[in-house]
Amino acid sequence: MTVIAQGPSTKKETDLDKVLKIRLKVIDRETGESRYCRVVETETWNWANPEYWRIIGGWQITSYARLLNLLYLKAEKGVEEVEIVEGPRFTMLSGG
């Protein structure tokens, strides 16, 4: 049996490109205002503050890594835009 050497996979690069192209619509729970941002901008958000929540489709996102994981899943499904609802924890728990 012959073994053929395979080069490095480009799948990760393709997936990352898809994730970085996803438009993020960020909705402020307190004011109702929305804005668009790029995925790379979210890395600078304050992820360490437990009193400020970000939610996508019912899932609380607590870190940049978790956001990327969820966006990979969305990219696999062909989703091009994702809404993130953000605000202080008490507004999320009280229903607004």
Protein backbone atom coordinates (compact mmCIF):
# COMPACT_ATOMS: atom_id res chain seq x y z
CA MET A 1 0.00 0.00 0.00
CA THR A 2 1.37 3.39 -0.98
CA VAL A 3 1.09 6.29 1.44
CA ILE A 4 0.81 9.68 -0.19
CA ALA A 5 2.18 12.62 1.76
CA GLN A 6 -0.35 15.34 2.27
CA GLY A 7 0.40 19.01 2.55
CA PRO A 8 -0.91 21.22 5.33
CA SER A 9 -4.65 21.63 5.32
CA THR A 10 -6.05 24.99 4.27
CA LYS A 11 -9.44 24.22 5.82
CA LYS A 12 -8.66 26.24 8.95
CA GLU A 13 -7.71 29.26 6.87
CA THR A 14 -10.90 28.98 4.85
CA ASP A 15 -13.00 28.66 8.01
CA LEU A 16 -11.24 31.63 9.59
CA ASP A 17 -11.86 33.72 6.48
CA LYS A 18 -15.57 32.87 6.66
CA VAL A 19 -15.71 33.77 10.35
CA LEU A 20 -13.96 37.10 9.82
CA LYS A 21 -16.44 38.00 7.08
CA ILE A 22 -19.48 37.57 9.34
CA ARG A 23 -21.18 40.89 10.06
CA LEU A 24 -21.90 41.44 13.74
CA LYS A 25 -24.93 43.52 14.64
CA VAL A 26 -24.49 44.62 18.25
CA ILE A 27 -27.72 45.64 19.99
CA ASP A 28 -27.52 47.63 23.22
CA ARG A 29 -30.18 46.19 25.54
CA GLU A 30 -30.55 49.43 27.53
CA THR A 31 -30.99 51.90 24.66
CA GLY A 32 -32.16 49.64 21.86
CA GLU A 33 -29.56 51.19 19.56
CA SER A 34 -27.66 48.93 17.21
CA ARG A 35 -24.35 49.16 15.43
CA TYR A 36 -22.25 46.96 13.21
CA CYS A 37 -18.73 45.86 14.00
CA ARG A 38 -16.13 43.47 12.66
CA VAL A 39 -15.11 40.26 14.39
CA VAL A 40 -11.54 41.50 14.97
CA GLU A 41 -12.87 44.46 16.98
CA THR A 42 -14.45 42.13 19.55
CA GLU A 43 -11.06 40.93 20.77
CA THR A 44 -10.58 44.28 22.54
CA TRP A 45 -13.92 44.11 24.40
CA ASN A 46 -13.80 43.75 28.18
CA TRP A 47 -14.58 40.04 28.46
CA ALA A 48 -13.55 39.85 32.15
CA ASN A 49 -16.53 41.85 33.49
CA PRO A 50 -19.16 39.36 34.76
CA GLU A 51 -21.71 42.17 35.22
CA TYR A 52 -21.89 42.86 31.47
CA TRP A 53 -23.40 40.13 29.30
CA ARG A 54 -23.34 39.37 25.59
CA ILE A 55 -25.86 36.92 24.19
CA ILE A 56 -26.20 35.30 20.77
CA GLY A 57 -29.32 33.27 20.13
CA GLY A 58 -29.84 32.49 23.81
CA TRP A 59 -26.19 31.60 24.46
CA GLN A 60 -24.18 33.76 26.84
CA ILE A 61 -20.77 34.55 25.38
CA THR A 62 -18.16 35.05 28.10
CA SER A 63 -14.92 35.20 26.11
CA TYR A 64 -13.44 36.03 22.74
CA ALA A 65 -12.57 32.35 22.25
CA ARG A 66 -16.19 31.32 22.91
CA LEU A 67 -17.38 33.96 20.45
CA LEU A 68 -15.07 32.56 17.77
CA ASN A 69 -16.30 29.01 18.49
CA LEU A 70 -19.90 30.07 18.02
CA LEU A 71 -19.07 32.04 14.89
CA TYR A 72 -17.32 28.99 13.40
CA LEU A 73 -20.56 27.05 13.86
CA LYS A 74 -22.53 29.88 12.25
CA ALA A 75 -20.06 30.07 9.34
CA GLU A 76 -20.44 26.33 8.71
CA LYS A 77 -24.17 26.92 8.28
CA GLY A 78 -23.56 29.79 5.86
CA VAL A 79 -24.76 32.53 8.22
CA GLU A 80 -23.53 35.96 7.10
CA GLU A 81 -24.84 38.14 9.95
CA VAL A 82 -25.10 37.50 13.68
CA GLU A 83 -26.91 39.61 16.28
CA ILE A 84 -25.26 40.13 19.65
CA VAL A 85 -27.43 41.55 22.42
CA GLU A 86 -25.33 43.18 25.11
CA GLY A 87 -26.00 45.00 28.33
CA PRO A 88 -25.69 44.94 32.09
CA ARG A 89 -26.56 41.61 33.67
CA PHE A 90 -29.60 42.96 35.53
CA THR A 91 -31.27 44.08 32.28
CA MET A 92 -30.75 40.68 30.72
CA LEU A 93 -32.23 38.85 33.70
CA SER A 94 -35.19 41.18 34.13
CA GLY A 95 -36.27 40.94 30.52
CA GLY A 96 -35.38 44.53 29.70
